[in-house]
Amino acid sequence: MPDQSIPATPPAPEPLSEAVPARKYVENKPPRGLYVRVFIYVIATHVLLAMMSLVVIAANSR
């Protein structure tokens, strides 16, 4: 008779540690960093336009 060291039925797989109830992720609002970047871009654009206006005024006054 052969030695039966292997069980006839495989052991049940262990449950995953990350088994969380399936819930669909819905992002309701954009990330906060987006608002910060848009704010910086808007301020930078206004500053750039103001500086260009000063350059044009200074060039026309000569």
N, C-alpha and C. Protein backbone atom coordinates (compact mmCIF):
# COMPACT_ATOMS: atom_id res chain seq x y z
N MET A 1 0.83 -1.18 0.00
CA MET A 1 0.00 0.00 0.00
C MET A 1 0.88 1.25 0.00
N PRO A 2 0.57 2.26 -0.87
CA PRO A 2 1.40 3.46 -0.92
C PRO A 2 1.18 4.35 0.31
N ASP A 3 2.21 5.07 0.65
CA ASP A 3 2.12 5.97 1.80
C ASP A 3 1.25 7.18 1.41
N GLN A 4 0.17 7.42 2.15
CA GLN A 4 -0.75 8.52 1.83
C GLN A 4 -0.46 9.71 2.75
N SER A 5 0.61 10.43 2.47
CA SER A 5 0.93 11.61 3.27
C SER A 5 0.21 12.85 2.73
N ILE A 6 -0.31 12.77 1.50
CA ILE A 6 -1.04 13.89 0.90
C ILE A 6 -2.52 13.67 1.19
N PRO A 7 -3.21 14.64 1.75
CA PRO A 7 -4.64 14.47 2.02
C PRO A 7 -5.43 14.33 0.72
N ALA A 8 -6.53 13.65 0.79
CA ALA A 8 -7.36 13.42 -0.39
C ALA A 8 -8.01 14.70 -0.88
N THR A 9 -8.41 15.56 0.01
CA THR A 9 -9.03 16.82 -0.39
C THR A 9 -8.08 17.97 -0.05
N PRO A 10 -7.94 18.91 -0.95
CA PRO A 10 -7.04 20.04 -0.66
C PRO A 10 -7.61 20.90 0.45
N PRO A 11 -6.76 21.52 1.25
CA PRO A 11 -7.28 22.36 2.33
C PRO A 11 -8.00 23.58 1.77
N ALA A 12 -8.96 24.07 2.52
CA ALA A 12 -9.73 25.24 2.08
C ALA A 12 -8.81 26.45 2.06
N PRO A 13 -8.93 27.29 1.04
CA PRO A 13 -8.07 28.47 0.99
C PRO A 13 -8.38 29.41 2.16
N GLU A 14 -7.31 30.01 2.68
CA GLU A 14 -7.51 30.94 3.79
C GLU A 14 -8.16 32.21 3.27
N PRO A 15 -9.02 32.83 4.07
CA PRO A 15 -9.66 34.07 3.61
C PRO A 15 -8.62 35.19 3.48
N LEU A 16 -8.82 36.03 2.49
CA LEU A 16 -7.89 37.13 2.27
C LEU A 16 -8.01 38.14 3.40
N SER A 17 -6.89 38.72 3.78
CA SER A 17 -6.91 39.69 4.87
C SER A 17 -7.57 40.99 4.43
N GLU A 18 -7.64 41.24 3.12
CA GLU A 18 -8.25 42.48 2.62
C GLU A 18 -9.67 42.24 2.13
N ALA A 19 -10.32 41.23 2.66
CA ALA A 19 -11.68 40.95 2.22
C ALA A 19 -12.62 41.98 2.84
N VAL A 20 -13.01 42.95 2.03
CA VAL A 20 -13.90 44.01 2.47
C VAL A 20 -15.16 43.91 1.63
N PRO A 21 -16.30 44.19 2.20
CA PRO A 21 -17.52 44.14 1.39
C PRO A 21 -17.39 45.04 0.17
N ALA A 22 -17.80 44.53 -0.97
CA ALA A 22 -17.65 45.28 -2.22
C ALA A 22 -18.52 46.52 -2.18
N ARG A 23 -17.85 47.69 -2.29
CA ARG A 23 -18.57 48.95 -2.30
C ARG A 23 -17.98 49.79 -3.42
N LYS A 24 -18.81 50.29 -4.30
CA LYS A 24 -18.31 51.06 -5.43
C LYS A 24 -17.84 52.43 -4.94
N TYR A 25 -16.60 52.80 -5.32
CA TYR A 25 -16.02 54.08 -4.91
C TYR A 25 -16.48 55.15 -5.87
N VAL A 26 -17.12 56.16 -5.31
CA VAL A 26 -17.58 57.29 -6.12
C VAL A 26 -16.94 58.54 -5.55
N GLU A 27 -16.19 59.23 -6.39
CA GLU A 27 -15.53 60.45 -5.94
C GLU A 27 -16.47 61.62 -6.17
N ASN A 28 -16.92 62.22 -5.07
CA ASN A 28 -17.91 63.29 -5.17
C ASN A 28 -17.28 64.65 -5.41
N LYS A 29 -16.05 64.85 -4.98
CA LYS A 29 -15.41 66.15 -5.15
C LYS A 29 -13.97 65.96 -5.61
N PRO A 30 -13.44 66.95 -6.34
CA PRO A 30 -12.07 66.83 -6.81
C PRO A 30 -11.09 66.92 -5.65
N PRO A 31 -9.88 66.43 -5.82
CA PRO A 31 -8.91 66.51 -4.75
C PRO A 31 -8.56 67.95 -4.40
N ARG A 32 -8.20 68.17 -3.14
CA ARG A 32 -7.91 69.52 -2.67
C ARG A 32 -6.75 70.15 -3.43
N GLY A 33 -5.77 69.35 -3.83
CA GLY A 33 -4.62 69.88 -4.56
C GLY A 33 -5.01 70.56 -5.86
N LEU A 34 -6.11 70.13 -6.45
CA LEU A 34 -6.56 70.75 -7.70
C LEU A 34 -6.93 72.20 -7.47
N TYR A 35 -7.64 72.49 -6.38
CA TYR A 35 -8.02 73.86 -6.07
C TYR A 35 -6.79 74.73 -5.82
N VAL A 36 -5.80 74.17 -5.14
CA VAL A 36 -4.58 74.92 -4.85
C VAL A 36 -3.84 75.26 -6.15
N ARG A 37 -3.74 74.28 -7.04
CA ARG A 37 -3.05 74.53 -8.32
C ARG A 37 -3.79 75.57 -9.15
N VAL A 38 -5.10 75.47 -9.23
CA VAL A 38 -5.88 76.43 -10.02
C VAL A 38 -5.71 77.83 -9.42
N PHE A 39 -5.74 77.93 -8.09
CA PHE A 39 -5.56 79.22 -7.43
C PHE A 39 -4.19 79.82 -7.78
N ILE A 40 -3.15 79.01 -7.71
CA ILE A 40 -1.80 79.49 -8.04
C ILE A 40 -1.72 79.92 -9.50
N TYR A 41 -2.30 79.13 -10.40
CA TYR A 41 -2.26 79.49 -11.82
C TYR A 41 -2.99 80.80 -12.08
N VAL A 42 -4.12 81.00 -11.43
CA VAL A 42 -4.89 82.23 -11.63
C VAL A 42 -4.11 83.43 -11.12
N ILE A 43 -3.54 83.31 -9.92
CA ILE A 43 -2.76 84.41 -9.36
C ILE A 43 -1.54 84.69 -10.24
N ALA A 44 -0.84 83.64 -10.67
CA ALA A 44 0.34 83.82 -11.50
C ALA A 44 -0.02 84.49 -12.82
N THR A 45 -1.15 84.12 -13.39
CA THR A 45 -1.58 84.73 -14.66
C THR A 45 -1.87 86.21 -14.47
N HIS A 46 -2.55 86.55 -13.37
CA HIS A 46 -2.86 87.96 -13.12
C HIS A 46 -1.58 88.77 -12.90
N VAL A 47 -0.64 88.22 -12.17
CA VAL A 47 0.63 88.92 -11.92
C VAL A 47 1.38 89.11 -13.24
N LEU A 48 1.41 88.07 -14.07
CA LEU A 48 2.10 88.17 -15.35
C LEU A 48 1.45 89.24 -16.25
N LEU A 49 0.13 89.27 -16.29
CA LEU A 49 -0.56 90.28 -17.10
C LEU A 49 -0.30 91.68 -16.57
N ALA A 50 -0.28 91.84 -15.25
CA ALA A 50 -0.01 93.14 -14.67
C ALA A 50 1.40 93.61 -15.01
N MET A 51 2.38 92.71 -14.93
CA MET A 51 3.76 93.08 -15.26
C MET A 51 3.89 93.44 -16.74
N MET A 52 3.21 92.68 -17.61
CA MET A 52 3.26 92.99 -19.03
C MET A 52 2.62 94.35 -19.31
N SER A 53 1.55 94.65 -18.60
CA SER A 53 0.90 95.95 -18.77
C SER A 53 1.85 97.08 -18.36
N LEU A 54 2.57 96.88 -17.23
CA LEU A 54 3.52 97.90 -16.80
C LEU A 54 4.64 98.08 -17.83
N VAL A 55 5.09 97.00 -18.43
CA VAL A 55 6.14 97.09 -19.46
C VAL A 55 5.62 97.86 -20.67
N VAL A 56 4.39 97.59 -21.05
CA VAL A 56 3.82 98.30 -22.21
C VAL A 56 3.65 99.78 -21.90
N ILE A 57 3.16 100.09 -20.70
CA ILE A 57 2.98 101.51 -20.31
C ILE A 57 4.33 102.20 -20.27
N ALA A 58 5.35 101.53 -19.71
CA ALA A 58 6.68 102.15 -19.63
C ALA A 58 7.26 102.33 -21.05
N ALA A 59 7.02 101.41 -21.94
CA ALA A 59 7.56 101.53 -23.30
C ALA A 59 6.85 102.65 -24.06
N ASN A 60 5.56 102.83 -23.84
CA ASN A 60 4.82 103.89 -24.54
C ASN A 60 5.14 105.27 -24.00
N SER A 61 5.55 105.36 -22.77
CA SER A 61 5.82 106.68 -22.18
C SER A 61 7.18 107.23 -22.58
N ARG A 62 8.01 106.45 -23.22
CA ARG A 62 9.33 106.94 -23.62
C ARG A 62 9.27 107.72 -24.91
